[in-house]
N, C-alpha and C. Protein backbone atom coordinates (compact mmCIF):
# COMPACT_ATOMS: atom_id res chain seq x y z
N MET A 1 -11.48 4.31 14.32
CA MET A 1 -10.67 3.14 14.60
C MET A 1 -10.17 3.16 16.03
N ILE A 2 -9.83 4.35 16.51
CA ILE A 2 -9.39 4.45 17.90
C ILE A 2 -10.53 4.05 18.82
N ARG A 3 -11.75 4.47 18.50
CA ARG A 3 -12.90 4.09 19.33
C ARG A 3 -13.14 2.59 19.32
N ASN A 4 -12.82 1.90 18.21
CA ASN A 4 -12.95 0.45 18.14
C ASN A 4 -11.90 -0.24 18.99
N SER A 5 -10.83 0.47 19.26
CA SER A 5 -9.76 -0.08 20.08
C SER A 5 -10.11 0.15 21.55
N SER A 6 -9.26 -0.33 22.43
CA SER A 6 -9.47 -0.08 23.85
C SER A 6 -8.13 -0.04 24.55
N ASN A 7 -8.12 0.46 25.78
CA ASN A 7 -6.89 0.48 26.55
C ASN A 7 -6.38 -0.93 26.81
N VAL A 8 -7.28 -1.90 26.82
CA VAL A 8 -6.89 -3.30 27.01
C VAL A 8 -5.98 -3.73 25.86
N VAL A 9 -6.34 -3.32 24.63
CA VAL A 9 -5.52 -3.65 23.47
C VAL A 9 -4.15 -3.01 23.61
N GLN A 10 -4.13 -1.75 24.04
CA GLN A 10 -2.85 -1.06 24.17
C GLN A 10 -1.92 -1.79 25.12
N SER A 11 -2.41 -2.21 26.26
CA SER A 11 -1.53 -2.87 27.22
C SER A 11 -1.23 -4.32 26.85
N SER A 12 -2.19 -5.02 26.24
CA SER A 12 -1.95 -6.42 25.91
C SER A 12 -1.13 -6.59 24.64
N ASN A 13 -1.03 -5.55 23.84
CA ASN A 13 -0.28 -5.62 22.58
C ASN A 13 1.20 -5.87 22.80
N THR A 14 1.73 -5.53 23.95
CA THR A 14 3.15 -5.70 24.22
C THR A 14 3.61 -7.12 23.98
N LEU A 15 2.77 -8.08 24.31
CA LEU A 15 3.13 -9.49 24.13
C LEU A 15 2.36 -10.13 22.98
N GLY A 16 1.92 -9.32 22.04
CA GLY A 16 1.26 -9.87 20.86
C GLY A 16 -0.23 -10.10 21.03
N GLY A 17 -0.88 -9.23 21.79
CA GLY A 17 -2.33 -9.34 21.97
C GLY A 17 -3.07 -9.07 20.67
N LYS A 18 -4.37 -9.29 20.68
CA LYS A 18 -5.20 -9.13 19.49
C LYS A 18 -5.29 -7.67 19.09
N ASP A 19 -5.02 -7.37 17.82
CA ASP A 19 -5.19 -6.02 17.28
C ASP A 19 -6.62 -5.86 16.79
N VAL A 20 -7.30 -4.82 17.24
CA VAL A 20 -8.67 -4.63 16.80
C VAL A 20 -8.93 -3.23 16.25
N GLY A 21 -7.93 -2.41 16.16
CA GLY A 21 -8.12 -1.02 15.74
C GLY A 21 -8.54 -0.88 14.30
N GLY A 22 -7.84 -1.52 13.38
CA GLY A 22 -8.18 -1.42 11.97
C GLY A 22 -6.94 -1.41 11.10
N VAL A 23 -7.18 -1.39 9.81
CA VAL A 23 -6.10 -1.41 8.83
C VAL A 23 -6.37 -0.33 7.78
N ILE A 24 -5.35 0.45 7.49
CA ILE A 24 -5.42 1.48 6.45
C ILE A 24 -4.45 1.08 5.35
N ILE A 25 -4.93 1.05 4.12
CA ILE A 25 -4.07 0.69 2.99
C ILE A 25 -4.12 1.82 1.98
N ASN A 26 -2.98 2.50 1.82
CA ASN A 26 -2.86 3.60 0.87
C ASN A 26 -2.42 3.06 -0.49
N ILE A 27 -2.85 3.74 -1.53
CA ILE A 27 -2.42 3.38 -2.88
C ILE A 27 -1.43 4.44 -3.36
N SER A 28 -0.25 3.99 -3.68
CA SER A 28 0.79 4.87 -4.18
C SER A 28 1.17 4.40 -5.58
N SER A 29 2.42 4.54 -5.93
CA SER A 29 2.87 4.15 -7.26
C SER A 29 4.38 3.97 -7.22
N THR A 30 4.91 3.16 -8.11
CA THR A 30 6.35 2.92 -8.10
C THR A 30 7.19 4.18 -8.32
N PRO A 31 6.74 5.20 -9.08
CA PRO A 31 7.55 6.42 -9.18
C PRO A 31 7.76 7.12 -7.84
N ALA A 32 6.94 6.83 -6.83
CA ALA A 32 7.15 7.40 -5.50
C ALA A 32 8.45 6.89 -4.90
N ILE A 33 8.89 5.73 -5.35
CA ILE A 33 10.11 5.12 -4.85
C ILE A 33 11.27 5.41 -5.80
N SER A 34 11.02 5.28 -7.09
CA SER A 34 12.11 5.38 -8.07
C SER A 34 12.20 6.73 -8.77
N GLY A 35 11.12 7.53 -8.71
CA GLY A 35 11.07 8.77 -9.48
C GLY A 35 10.81 8.47 -10.95
N ARG A 36 10.57 9.50 -11.72
CA ARG A 36 10.42 9.32 -13.16
C ARG A 36 10.64 10.65 -13.86
N VAL A 37 11.14 10.61 -15.05
CA VAL A 37 11.40 11.81 -15.83
C VAL A 37 10.07 12.48 -16.15
N GLY A 38 10.00 13.77 -15.87
CA GLY A 38 8.81 14.54 -16.19
C GLY A 38 7.63 14.28 -15.27
N GLY A 39 7.86 13.61 -14.16
CA GLY A 39 6.74 13.27 -13.30
C GLY A 39 6.95 13.63 -11.84
N PHE A 40 7.72 14.68 -11.57
CA PHE A 40 8.01 14.94 -10.17
C PHE A 40 6.80 15.34 -9.33
N PRO A 41 5.82 16.10 -9.83
CA PRO A 41 4.66 16.40 -8.97
C PRO A 41 3.90 15.12 -8.58
N TYR A 42 3.71 14.23 -9.54
CA TYR A 42 3.03 12.95 -9.29
C TYR A 42 3.83 12.11 -8.29
N SER A 43 5.13 12.01 -8.52
CA SER A 43 5.99 11.20 -7.65
C SER A 43 6.01 11.74 -6.23
N ILE A 44 6.08 13.04 -6.08
CA ILE A 44 6.08 13.66 -4.74
C ILE A 44 4.75 13.39 -4.04
N ALA A 45 3.65 13.55 -4.75
CA ALA A 45 2.34 13.30 -4.15
C ALA A 45 2.21 11.85 -3.70
N LYS A 46 2.63 10.93 -4.54
CA LYS A 46 2.52 9.51 -4.19
C LYS A 46 3.49 9.12 -3.08
N SER A 47 4.64 9.78 -2.99
CA SER A 47 5.56 9.47 -1.89
C SER A 47 4.98 9.94 -0.56
N GLY A 48 4.11 10.94 -0.60
CA GLY A 48 3.41 11.36 0.61
C GLY A 48 2.57 10.24 1.20
N ASN A 49 1.99 9.39 0.35
CA ASN A 49 1.22 8.24 0.84
C ASN A 49 2.10 7.27 1.61
N ILE A 50 3.32 7.10 1.15
CA ILE A 50 4.25 6.20 1.83
C ILE A 50 4.58 6.74 3.22
N THR A 51 4.90 8.03 3.29
CA THR A 51 5.22 8.65 4.57
C THR A 51 4.00 8.67 5.50
N LEU A 52 2.82 8.90 4.95
CA LEU A 52 1.59 8.88 5.74
C LEU A 52 1.41 7.54 6.43
N ALA A 53 1.60 6.45 5.70
CA ALA A 53 1.45 5.12 6.29
C ALA A 53 2.47 4.89 7.40
N LYS A 54 3.70 5.33 7.20
CA LYS A 54 4.73 5.16 8.23
C LYS A 54 4.39 5.95 9.49
N CYS A 55 3.89 7.17 9.32
CA CYS A 55 3.51 7.98 10.48
C CYS A 55 2.30 7.40 11.20
N ILE A 56 1.31 6.94 10.46
CA ILE A 56 0.14 6.31 11.07
C ILE A 56 0.58 5.09 11.87
N ALA A 57 1.46 4.29 11.30
CA ALA A 57 1.95 3.09 11.98
C ALA A 57 2.59 3.43 13.32
N LYS A 58 3.41 4.46 13.34
CA LYS A 58 4.10 4.83 14.58
C LYS A 58 3.18 5.51 15.58
N GLU A 59 2.29 6.38 15.11
CA GLU A 59 1.43 7.13 16.01
C GLU A 59 0.24 6.33 16.54
N TYR A 60 -0.26 5.38 15.75
CA TYR A 60 -1.50 4.70 16.13
C TYR A 60 -1.36 3.19 16.28
N GLY A 61 -0.14 2.68 16.16
CA GLY A 61 0.06 1.24 16.32
C GLY A 61 -0.35 0.74 17.70
N SER A 62 -0.20 1.57 18.71
CA SER A 62 -0.57 1.15 20.07
C SER A 62 -2.08 0.97 20.22
N PHE A 63 -2.84 1.47 19.26
CA PHE A 63 -4.29 1.27 19.25
C PHE A 63 -4.69 0.08 18.38
N GLY A 64 -3.70 -0.65 17.88
CA GLY A 64 -3.99 -1.78 17.01
C GLY A 64 -4.28 -1.36 15.58
N ILE A 65 -3.95 -0.11 15.25
CA ILE A 65 -4.18 0.40 13.89
C ILE A 65 -2.91 0.18 13.08
N ARG A 66 -3.06 -0.50 11.96
CA ARG A 66 -1.93 -0.77 11.06
C ARG A 66 -2.13 0.01 9.77
N ALA A 67 -1.03 0.36 9.13
CA ALA A 67 -1.10 1.10 7.87
C ALA A 67 -0.04 0.59 6.91
N TYR A 68 -0.41 0.52 5.66
CA TYR A 68 0.48 0.03 4.60
C TYR A 68 0.28 0.90 3.36
N THR A 69 1.23 0.79 2.45
CA THR A 69 1.11 1.44 1.16
C THR A 69 1.40 0.42 0.06
N LEU A 70 0.64 0.48 -0.99
CA LEU A 70 0.89 -0.34 -2.17
C LEU A 70 1.49 0.54 -3.26
N ALA A 71 2.62 0.11 -3.80
CA ALA A 71 3.26 0.77 -4.94
C ALA A 71 3.54 -0.34 -5.95
N LEU A 72 2.49 -0.77 -6.62
CA LEU A 72 2.55 -2.01 -7.39
C LEU A 72 2.85 -1.85 -8.88
N GLY A 73 3.07 -0.67 -9.34
CA GLY A 73 3.38 -0.52 -10.76
C GLY A 73 2.14 -0.47 -11.62
N ASN A 74 2.26 -0.96 -12.83
CA ASN A 74 1.19 -0.86 -13.83
C ASN A 74 0.15 -1.96 -13.63
N ILE A 75 -1.08 -1.53 -13.34
CA ILE A 75 -2.18 -2.46 -13.14
C ILE A 75 -3.16 -2.27 -14.30
N ALA A 76 -3.52 -3.37 -14.93
CA ALA A 76 -4.35 -3.34 -16.14
C ALA A 76 -5.82 -3.11 -15.79
N THR A 77 -6.20 -1.84 -15.79
CA THR A 77 -7.61 -1.49 -15.62
C THR A 77 -8.06 -0.82 -16.91
N PRO A 78 -9.35 -0.87 -17.21
CA PRO A 78 -9.82 -0.22 -18.44
C PRO A 78 -9.45 1.26 -18.50
N ALA A 79 -9.56 1.97 -17.40
CA ALA A 79 -9.24 3.41 -17.41
C ALA A 79 -7.78 3.65 -17.78
N THR A 80 -6.89 2.82 -17.29
CA THR A 80 -5.47 2.98 -17.60
C THR A 80 -5.17 2.56 -19.03
N LEU A 81 -5.61 1.39 -19.41
CA LEU A 81 -5.30 0.88 -20.75
C LEU A 81 -5.93 1.73 -21.85
N ASP A 82 -7.13 2.25 -21.63
CA ASP A 82 -7.80 3.07 -22.64
C ASP A 82 -7.12 4.41 -22.86
N SER A 83 -6.25 4.81 -21.93
CA SER A 83 -5.59 6.11 -22.06
C SER A 83 -4.21 6.01 -22.71
N MET A 84 -3.83 4.80 -23.17
CA MET A 84 -2.48 4.59 -23.71
C MET A 84 -2.52 3.98 -25.10
N THR A 85 -1.46 4.24 -25.84
CA THR A 85 -1.30 3.58 -27.12
C THR A 85 -0.78 2.16 -26.88
N GLU A 86 -0.90 1.31 -27.87
CA GLU A 86 -0.41 -0.06 -27.75
C GLU A 86 1.09 -0.08 -27.49
N GLN A 87 1.82 0.83 -28.12
CA GLN A 87 3.27 0.89 -27.94
C GLN A 87 3.62 1.22 -26.48
N ILE A 88 2.91 2.14 -25.89
CA ILE A 88 3.17 2.51 -24.49
C ILE A 88 2.78 1.37 -23.55
N ILE A 89 1.69 0.68 -23.87
CA ILE A 89 1.26 -0.47 -23.06
C ILE A 89 2.34 -1.54 -23.04
N ILE A 90 2.92 -1.83 -24.18
CA ILE A 90 3.98 -2.84 -24.27
C ILE A 90 5.22 -2.37 -23.51
N LYS A 91 5.61 -1.11 -23.69
CA LYS A 91 6.78 -0.56 -22.98
C LYS A 91 6.57 -0.63 -21.47
N ALA A 92 5.37 -0.29 -21.00
CA ALA A 92 5.07 -0.33 -19.56
C ALA A 92 5.14 -1.75 -19.02
N ALA A 93 4.69 -2.71 -19.79
CA ALA A 93 4.75 -4.12 -19.36
C ALA A 93 6.19 -4.54 -19.13
N LEU A 94 7.10 -4.06 -19.95
CA LEU A 94 8.50 -4.46 -19.86
C LEU A 94 9.21 -3.83 -18.66
N GLU A 95 8.59 -2.83 -18.02
CA GLU A 95 9.18 -2.20 -16.83
C GLU A 95 9.14 -3.13 -15.62
N SER A 96 8.19 -4.01 -15.59
CA SER A 96 7.98 -4.89 -14.45
C SER A 96 8.97 -6.05 -14.47
N PRO A 97 9.43 -6.50 -13.31
CA PRO A 97 10.28 -7.69 -13.29
C PRO A 97 9.59 -8.91 -13.90
N MET A 98 8.24 -8.95 -13.83
CA MET A 98 7.49 -10.07 -14.41
C MET A 98 7.22 -9.86 -15.91
N LYS A 99 7.59 -8.69 -16.42
CA LYS A 99 7.43 -8.34 -17.85
C LYS A 99 5.97 -8.43 -18.30
N ARG A 100 5.07 -8.00 -17.42
CA ARG A 100 3.65 -7.96 -17.75
C ARG A 100 2.96 -6.96 -16.84
N TRP A 101 1.73 -6.66 -17.16
CA TRP A 101 0.90 -5.80 -16.33
C TRP A 101 0.31 -6.62 -15.18
N GLY A 102 0.11 -5.95 -14.06
CA GLY A 102 -0.58 -6.59 -12.95
C GLY A 102 -2.08 -6.60 -13.22
N LYS A 103 -2.77 -7.50 -12.56
CA LYS A 103 -4.22 -7.62 -12.71
C LYS A 103 -4.90 -7.12 -11.44
N PRO A 104 -6.06 -6.48 -11.56
CA PRO A 104 -6.75 -5.98 -10.37
C PRO A 104 -6.97 -7.05 -9.30
N PHE A 105 -7.27 -8.30 -9.68
CA PHE A 105 -7.49 -9.33 -8.67
C PHE A 105 -6.21 -9.63 -7.90
N GLU A 106 -5.05 -9.41 -8.52
CA GLU A 106 -3.79 -9.62 -7.82
C GLU A 106 -3.59 -8.55 -6.74
N VAL A 107 -4.00 -7.33 -7.05
CA VAL A 107 -3.96 -6.25 -6.06
C VAL A 107 -4.91 -6.59 -4.91
N ALA A 108 -6.08 -7.08 -5.24
CA ALA A 108 -7.06 -7.45 -4.21
C ALA A 108 -6.50 -8.52 -3.27
N LYS A 109 -5.74 -9.46 -3.81
CA LYS A 109 -5.14 -10.50 -2.96
C LYS A 109 -4.11 -9.92 -2.00
N VAL A 110 -3.33 -8.96 -2.47
CA VAL A 110 -2.36 -8.30 -1.60
C VAL A 110 -3.09 -7.54 -0.49
N VAL A 111 -4.13 -6.81 -0.85
CA VAL A 111 -4.92 -6.06 0.13
C VAL A 111 -5.52 -7.01 1.17
N ALA A 112 -6.09 -8.11 0.72
CA ALA A 112 -6.69 -9.07 1.64
C ALA A 112 -5.65 -9.65 2.59
N SER A 113 -4.46 -9.91 2.08
CA SER A 113 -3.39 -10.44 2.93
C SER A 113 -2.96 -9.43 3.98
N LEU A 114 -2.82 -8.17 3.58
CA LEU A 114 -2.41 -7.14 4.52
C LEU A 114 -3.46 -6.91 5.60
N ALA A 115 -4.72 -6.98 5.22
CA ALA A 115 -5.81 -6.72 6.16
C ALA A 115 -6.04 -7.89 7.12
N ASP A 116 -5.55 -9.05 6.78
CA ASP A 116 -5.76 -10.24 7.58
C ASP A 116 -4.96 -10.19 8.88
N ASP A 117 -5.47 -10.84 9.92
CA ASP A 117 -4.76 -10.90 11.20
C ASP A 117 -3.42 -11.61 11.10
N ASN A 118 -3.23 -12.45 10.09
CA ASN A 118 -1.95 -13.15 9.92
C ASN A 118 -0.81 -12.20 9.58
N PHE A 119 -1.13 -10.97 9.23
CA PHE A 119 -0.13 -9.96 8.88
C PHE A 119 -0.07 -8.89 9.97
N SER A 120 -0.52 -9.22 11.18
CA SER A 120 -0.75 -8.20 12.20
C SER A 120 0.50 -7.62 12.85
N TYR A 121 1.65 -8.22 12.71
CA TYR A 121 2.84 -7.66 13.34
C TYR A 121 3.46 -6.54 12.50
N ALA A 122 3.46 -6.70 11.20
CA ALA A 122 4.07 -5.72 10.31
C ALA A 122 3.15 -4.53 10.13
N THR A 123 3.71 -3.34 10.13
CA THR A 123 2.95 -2.13 9.86
C THR A 123 3.90 -1.06 9.36
N GLY A 124 3.38 -0.13 8.59
CA GLY A 124 4.20 0.95 8.05
C GLY A 124 4.97 0.56 6.81
N ASN A 125 4.72 -0.63 6.29
CA ASN A 125 5.47 -1.13 5.13
C ASN A 125 4.88 -0.65 3.81
N THR A 126 5.75 -0.59 2.82
CA THR A 126 5.34 -0.33 1.44
C THR A 126 5.58 -1.62 0.66
N ILE A 127 4.56 -2.10 0.00
CA ILE A 127 4.66 -3.28 -0.85
C ILE A 127 4.89 -2.79 -2.27
N SER A 128 6.04 -3.15 -2.82
CA SER A 128 6.39 -2.71 -4.18
C SER A 128 6.18 -3.84 -5.15
């Protein structure tokens, strides 16, 4: 990504020049922010993704490289749903403010928005 960038980008970025370095999107989880009972190793590992994005944003932003983290909660994928009982699936749905599971295409829309040039000023953010 640094090679895709140039010194021209670094100097022109001061006044909102075109970012061409790239976008990194980490996948984390809501327990990285809130914690969870019996899940501290998982929560600590996922919180590392949040810190990684913040450090990338600060260290490589001058190259036009942006970094974000997604901590979107329960996303309804076959691998996740097949590993849970119906009771746990219902309980997990109620954890969300929307009282439902997220859909993979909704995650894809968030990723596409973050990667788009229209989101080029913000970096280092976690989307919860």
